[in-house]
Amino acid sequence: MAYESKFKRDDIDELFDAVLTLKDREDCYRFFEDICTINEIHAIAQRLQVAKLLSQKRTYSEIEEVTKASTATISRINKCLVYGADGYQRVLDRLANQK
């Protein structure tokens, strides 16, 4: 692994290995419904939508209206897009390539 996370631990490695075993959307629903609360799932999904809209150069007010995310959340995700580990962008690029 070329990227060295600040959060790397054995238990987190095992979690990510578990996620990598998921084969389809049904597996994802089943696993995430068991491991997360519905609010956590909604929050994660909202963050991905915010990242997508930020990458499309939408304004904070547009993003706030569409996603109902706070400006603090939008700002935090924007900071991740600019200074983060490139995780959002890698996923967004892969999703765009699937279409």
N, C-alpha and C. Protein backbone atom coordinates (compact mmCIF):
# COMPACT_ATOMS: atom_id res chain seq x y z
N MET A 1 0.86 -1.18 0.00
CA MET A 1 0.00 0.00 0.00
C MET A 1 0.90 1.24 0.00
N ALA A 2 0.79 2.06 -1.01
CA ALA A 2 1.61 3.26 -1.12
C ALA A 2 1.15 4.34 -0.14
N TYR A 3 -0.14 4.40 0.11
CA TYR A 3 -0.69 5.42 1.01
C TYR A 3 -0.62 4.91 2.45
N GLU A 4 -0.09 5.72 3.34
CA GLU A 4 -0.04 5.37 4.76
C GLU A 4 -1.01 6.26 5.53
N SER A 5 -2.10 5.68 5.96
CA SER A 5 -3.13 6.40 6.69
C SER A 5 -2.67 6.73 8.11
N LYS A 6 -3.14 7.87 8.59
CA LYS A 6 -2.89 8.27 9.98
C LYS A 6 -3.70 7.40 10.94
N PHE A 7 -4.72 6.73 10.42
CA PHE A 7 -5.66 5.97 11.24
C PHE A 7 -5.42 4.46 11.18
N LYS A 8 -4.37 4.03 10.52
CA LYS A 8 -4.15 2.61 10.29
C LYS A 8 -4.04 1.83 11.60
N ARG A 9 -4.88 0.79 11.69
CA ARG A 9 -4.88 -0.14 12.82
C ARG A 9 -5.37 -1.49 12.30
N ASP A 10 -5.06 -2.54 13.03
CA ASP A 10 -5.46 -3.88 12.60
C ASP A 10 -6.98 -4.04 12.52
N ASP A 11 -7.71 -3.47 13.49
CA ASP A 11 -9.16 -3.62 13.46
C ASP A 11 -9.78 -2.86 12.29
N ILE A 12 -9.20 -1.74 11.93
CA ILE A 12 -9.70 -0.98 10.78
C ILE A 12 -9.36 -1.73 9.49
N ASP A 13 -8.16 -2.32 9.43
CA ASP A 13 -7.82 -3.16 8.28
C ASP A 13 -8.85 -4.27 8.11
N GLU A 14 -9.25 -4.89 9.20
CA GLU A 14 -10.23 -5.98 9.13
C GLU A 14 -11.59 -5.47 8.66
N LEU A 15 -11.99 -4.29 9.14
CA LEU A 15 -13.23 -3.69 8.65
C LEU A 15 -13.18 -3.47 7.15
N PHE A 16 -12.08 -2.88 6.67
CA PHE A 16 -11.97 -2.61 5.24
C PHE A 16 -11.89 -3.90 4.43
N ASP A 17 -11.23 -4.91 4.98
CA ASP A 17 -11.22 -6.22 4.31
C ASP A 17 -12.63 -6.78 4.20
N ALA A 18 -13.43 -6.59 5.26
CA ALA A 18 -14.83 -7.03 5.23
C ALA A 18 -15.61 -6.30 4.14
N VAL A 19 -15.42 -4.99 4.04
CA VAL A 19 -16.11 -4.21 3.01
C VAL A 19 -15.71 -4.70 1.62
N LEU A 20 -14.44 -5.02 1.45
CA LEU A 20 -13.97 -5.49 0.15
C LEU A 20 -14.53 -6.85 -0.24
N THR A 21 -15.12 -7.59 0.71
CA THR A 21 -15.75 -8.86 0.37
C THR A 21 -17.16 -8.69 -0.17
N LEU A 22 -17.74 -7.51 -0.02
CA LEU A 22 -19.12 -7.28 -0.48
C LEU A 22 -19.18 -7.38 -2.00
N LYS A 23 -20.14 -8.16 -2.50
CA LYS A 23 -20.18 -8.48 -3.92
C LYS A 23 -21.16 -7.62 -4.73
N ASP A 24 -22.20 -7.13 -4.07
CA ASP A 24 -23.20 -6.38 -4.83
C ASP A 24 -23.93 -5.42 -3.88
N ARG A 25 -24.88 -4.69 -4.44
CA ARG A 25 -25.61 -3.70 -3.65
C ARG A 25 -26.40 -4.34 -2.52
N GLU A 26 -26.97 -5.52 -2.77
CA GLU A 26 -27.71 -6.20 -1.70
C GLU A 26 -26.78 -6.53 -0.52
N ASP A 27 -25.57 -7.05 -0.83
CA ASP A 27 -24.59 -7.30 0.23
C ASP A 27 -24.32 -6.02 1.02
N CYS A 28 -24.18 -4.91 0.31
CA CYS A 28 -23.90 -3.62 0.96
C CYS A 28 -25.05 -3.22 1.88
N TYR A 29 -26.28 -3.31 1.38
CA TYR A 29 -27.42 -2.97 2.23
C TYR A 29 -27.45 -3.84 3.48
N ARG A 30 -27.27 -5.13 3.30
CA ARG A 30 -27.33 -6.05 4.44
C ARG A 30 -26.23 -5.74 5.46
N PHE A 31 -25.01 -5.55 4.99
CA PHE A 31 -23.89 -5.30 5.89
C PHE A 31 -24.02 -3.95 6.59
N PHE A 32 -24.27 -2.90 5.80
CA PHE A 32 -24.32 -1.56 6.40
C PHE A 32 -25.53 -1.38 7.30
N GLU A 33 -26.65 -2.04 7.01
CA GLU A 33 -27.80 -1.97 7.92
C GLU A 33 -27.47 -2.60 9.26
N ASP A 34 -26.61 -3.63 9.25
CA ASP A 34 -26.23 -4.27 10.50
C ASP A 34 -25.15 -3.50 11.25
N ILE A 35 -24.21 -2.91 10.52
CA ILE A 35 -23.05 -2.31 11.17
C ILE A 35 -23.23 -0.82 11.51
N CYS A 36 -24.15 -0.16 10.82
CA CYS A 36 -24.37 1.29 11.02
C CYS A 36 -25.82 1.55 11.43
N THR A 37 -26.02 2.69 12.07
CA THR A 37 -27.40 3.14 12.28
C THR A 37 -27.88 3.76 10.97
N ILE A 38 -29.17 3.92 10.84
CA ILE A 38 -29.72 4.54 9.63
C ILE A 38 -29.21 5.97 9.50
N ASN A 39 -29.06 6.67 10.62
CA ASN A 39 -28.54 8.04 10.57
C ASN A 39 -27.10 8.08 10.08
N GLU A 40 -26.30 7.09 10.48
CA GLU A 40 -24.92 7.03 9.99
C GLU A 40 -24.87 6.78 8.49
N ILE A 41 -25.72 5.89 8.01
CA ILE A 41 -25.78 5.62 6.57
C ILE A 41 -26.21 6.87 5.81
N HIS A 42 -27.22 7.56 6.32
CA HIS A 42 -27.67 8.80 5.68
C HIS A 42 -26.56 9.84 5.67
N ALA A 43 -25.83 9.97 6.76
CA ALA A 43 -24.75 10.96 6.85
C ALA A 43 -23.64 10.65 5.86
N ILE A 44 -23.26 9.39 5.74
CA ILE A 44 -22.22 9.00 4.78
C ILE A 44 -22.68 9.26 3.35
N ALA A 45 -23.92 8.88 3.06
CA ALA A 45 -24.46 9.11 1.71
C ALA A 45 -24.52 10.61 1.40
N GLN A 46 -24.91 11.41 2.39
CA GLN A 46 -24.98 12.86 2.21
C GLN A 46 -23.59 13.42 1.92
N ARG A 47 -22.58 12.95 2.62
CA ARG A 47 -21.21 13.44 2.40
C ARG A 47 -20.74 13.13 0.99
N LEU A 48 -21.07 11.95 0.50
CA LEU A 48 -20.67 11.61 -0.87
C LEU A 48 -21.38 12.52 -1.88
N GLN A 49 -22.67 12.81 -1.64
CA GLN A 49 -23.39 13.71 -2.54
C GLN A 49 -22.81 15.12 -2.50
N VAL A 50 -22.44 15.57 -1.31
CA VAL A 50 -21.81 16.89 -1.19
C VAL A 50 -20.50 16.91 -1.97
N ALA A 51 -19.69 15.88 -1.82
CA ALA A 51 -18.41 15.81 -2.55
C ALA A 51 -18.65 15.83 -4.06
N LYS A 52 -19.65 15.09 -4.50
CA LYS A 52 -19.97 15.06 -5.93
C LYS A 52 -20.36 16.45 -6.43
N LEU A 53 -21.21 17.13 -5.69
CA LEU A 53 -21.65 18.46 -6.10
C LEU A 53 -20.51 19.48 -6.03
N LEU A 54 -19.66 19.36 -5.03
CA LEU A 54 -18.49 20.25 -4.96
C LEU A 54 -17.57 20.02 -6.16
N SER A 55 -17.39 18.78 -6.54
CA SER A 55 -16.53 18.48 -7.69
C SER A 55 -17.14 18.99 -8.99
N GLN A 56 -18.46 19.20 -8.98
CA GLN A 56 -19.15 19.77 -10.14
C GLN A 56 -19.19 21.30 -10.06
N LYS A 57 -18.47 21.85 -9.09
CA LYS A 57 -18.34 23.31 -8.90
C LYS A 57 -19.66 23.98 -8.53
N ARG A 58 -20.55 23.26 -7.87
CA ARG A 58 -21.80 23.85 -7.40
C ARG A 58 -21.49 24.73 -6.18
N THR A 59 -22.31 25.74 -5.96
CA THR A 59 -22.10 26.65 -4.84
C THR A 59 -22.56 26.02 -3.53
N TYR A 60 -22.04 26.56 -2.43
CA TYR A 60 -22.45 26.06 -1.12
C TYR A 60 -23.96 26.16 -0.95
N SER A 61 -24.55 27.26 -1.37
CA SER A 61 -26.00 27.42 -1.18
C SER A 61 -26.78 26.40 -2.03
N GLU A 62 -26.32 26.12 -3.23
CA GLU A 62 -26.96 25.08 -4.04
C GLU A 62 -26.85 23.71 -3.37
N ILE A 63 -25.67 23.42 -2.86
CA ILE A 63 -25.43 22.13 -2.21
C ILE A 63 -26.26 22.00 -0.94
N GLU A 64 -26.31 23.08 -0.18
CA GLU A 64 -27.11 23.10 1.05
C GLU A 64 -28.58 22.83 0.73
N GLU A 65 -29.08 23.45 -0.33
CA GLU A 65 -30.48 23.28 -0.72
C GLU A 65 -30.76 21.85 -1.17
N VAL A 66 -29.88 21.28 -1.98
CA VAL A 66 -30.10 19.94 -2.54
C VAL A 66 -29.93 18.86 -1.48
N THR A 67 -28.87 18.97 -0.66
CA THR A 67 -28.52 17.88 0.25
C THR A 67 -29.00 18.09 1.68
N LYS A 68 -29.35 19.31 2.02
CA LYS A 68 -29.71 19.70 3.39
C LYS A 68 -28.51 19.60 4.35
N ALA A 69 -27.30 19.53 3.80
CA ALA A 69 -26.09 19.52 4.62
C ALA A 69 -25.81 20.93 5.14
N SER A 70 -25.23 21.00 6.31
CA SER A 70 -24.87 22.30 6.87
C SER A 70 -23.66 22.85 6.11
N THR A 71 -23.47 24.16 6.20
CA THR A 71 -22.30 24.76 5.56
C THR A 71 -21.02 24.25 6.22
N ALA A 72 -21.07 23.91 7.50
CA ALA A 72 -19.89 23.36 8.18
C ALA A 72 -19.52 22.00 7.56
N THR A 73 -20.51 21.17 7.30
CA THR A 73 -20.26 19.87 6.66
C THR A 73 -19.72 20.07 5.25
N ILE A 74 -20.33 20.97 4.51
CA ILE A 74 -19.87 21.24 3.14
C ILE A 74 -18.43 21.72 3.16
N SER A 75 -18.12 22.63 4.08
CA SER A 75 -16.77 23.15 4.20
C SER A 75 -15.76 22.05 4.55
N ARG A 76 -16.13 21.18 5.47
CA ARG A 76 -15.25 20.09 5.88
C ARG A 76 -14.98 19.15 4.70
N ILE A 77 -16.00 18.86 3.92
CA ILE A 77 -15.82 17.98 2.76
C ILE A 77 -15.00 18.67 1.68
N ASN A 78 -15.21 19.95 1.52
CA ASN A 78 -14.40 20.71 0.56
C ASN A 78 -12.93 20.67 0.96
N LYS A 79 -12.66 20.79 2.25
CA LYS A 79 -11.29 20.71 2.74
C LYS A 79 -10.69 19.34 2.43
N CYS A 80 -11.49 18.29 2.57
CA CYS A 80 -11.03 16.94 2.23
C CYS A 80 -10.71 16.84 0.74
N LEU A 81 -11.55 17.44 -0.09
CA LEU A 81 -11.30 17.39 -1.54
C LEU A 81 -10.02 18.12 -1.92
N VAL A 82 -9.73 19.20 -1.20
CA VAL A 82 -8.56 20.02 -1.53
C VAL A 82 -7.30 19.47 -0.87
N TYR A 83 -7.39 19.12 0.41
CA TYR A 83 -6.19 18.77 1.18
C TYR A 83 -6.17 17.33 1.69
N GLY A 84 -7.20 16.57 1.40
CA GLY A 84 -7.35 15.24 2.00
C GLY A 84 -6.54 14.16 1.32
N ALA A 85 -6.96 12.93 1.56
CA ALA A 85 -6.26 11.74 1.11
C ALA A 85 -6.65 11.33 -0.31
N ASP A 86 -7.47 12.12 -0.98
CA ASP A 86 -7.91 11.87 -2.35
C ASP A 86 -8.94 10.74 -2.45
N GLY A 87 -9.49 10.33 -1.31
CA GLY A 87 -10.46 9.25 -1.30
C GLY A 87 -11.75 9.58 -2.02
N TYR A 88 -12.31 10.76 -1.73
CA TYR A 88 -13.54 11.15 -2.42
C TYR A 88 -13.31 11.18 -3.93
N GLN A 89 -12.25 11.83 -4.36
CA GLN A 89 -12.03 12.00 -5.80
C GLN A 89 -11.83 10.67 -6.51
N ARG A 90 -11.12 9.76 -5.88
CA ARG A 90 -10.90 8.44 -6.47
C ARG A 90 -12.23 7.73 -6.68
N VAL A 91 -13.11 7.78 -5.67
CA VAL A 91 -14.42 7.13 -5.77
C VAL A 91 -15.28 7.83 -6.81
N LEU A 92 -15.30 9.16 -6.79
CA LEU A 92 -16.11 9.90 -7.75
C LEU A 92 -15.67 9.62 -9.19
N ASP A 93 -14.37 9.56 -9.40
CA ASP A 93 -13.85 9.24 -10.75
C ASP A 93 -14.28 7.85 -11.17
N ARG A 94 -14.19 6.89 -10.27
CA ARG A 94 -14.58 5.51 -10.60
C ARG A 94 -16.08 5.41 -10.88
N LEU A 95 -16.88 6.11 -10.10
CA LEU A 95 -18.32 6.11 -10.36
C LEU A 95 -18.64 6.72 -11.71
N ALA A 96 -17.95 7.82 -12.04
CA ALA A 96 -18.18 8.48 -13.33
C ALA A 96 -17.78 7.55 -14.48
N ASN A 97 -16.72 6.79 -14.30
CA ASN A 97 -16.26 5.87 -15.35
C ASN A 97 -17.20 4.68 -15.54
N GLN A 98 -18.00 4.36 -14.52
CA GLN A 98 -18.97 3.27 -14.62
C GLN A 98 -20.16 3.64 -15.49
N LYS A 99 -20.41 4.92 -15.63
CA LYS A 99 -21.61 5.37 -16.37
C LYS A 99 -21.34 5.46 -17.84
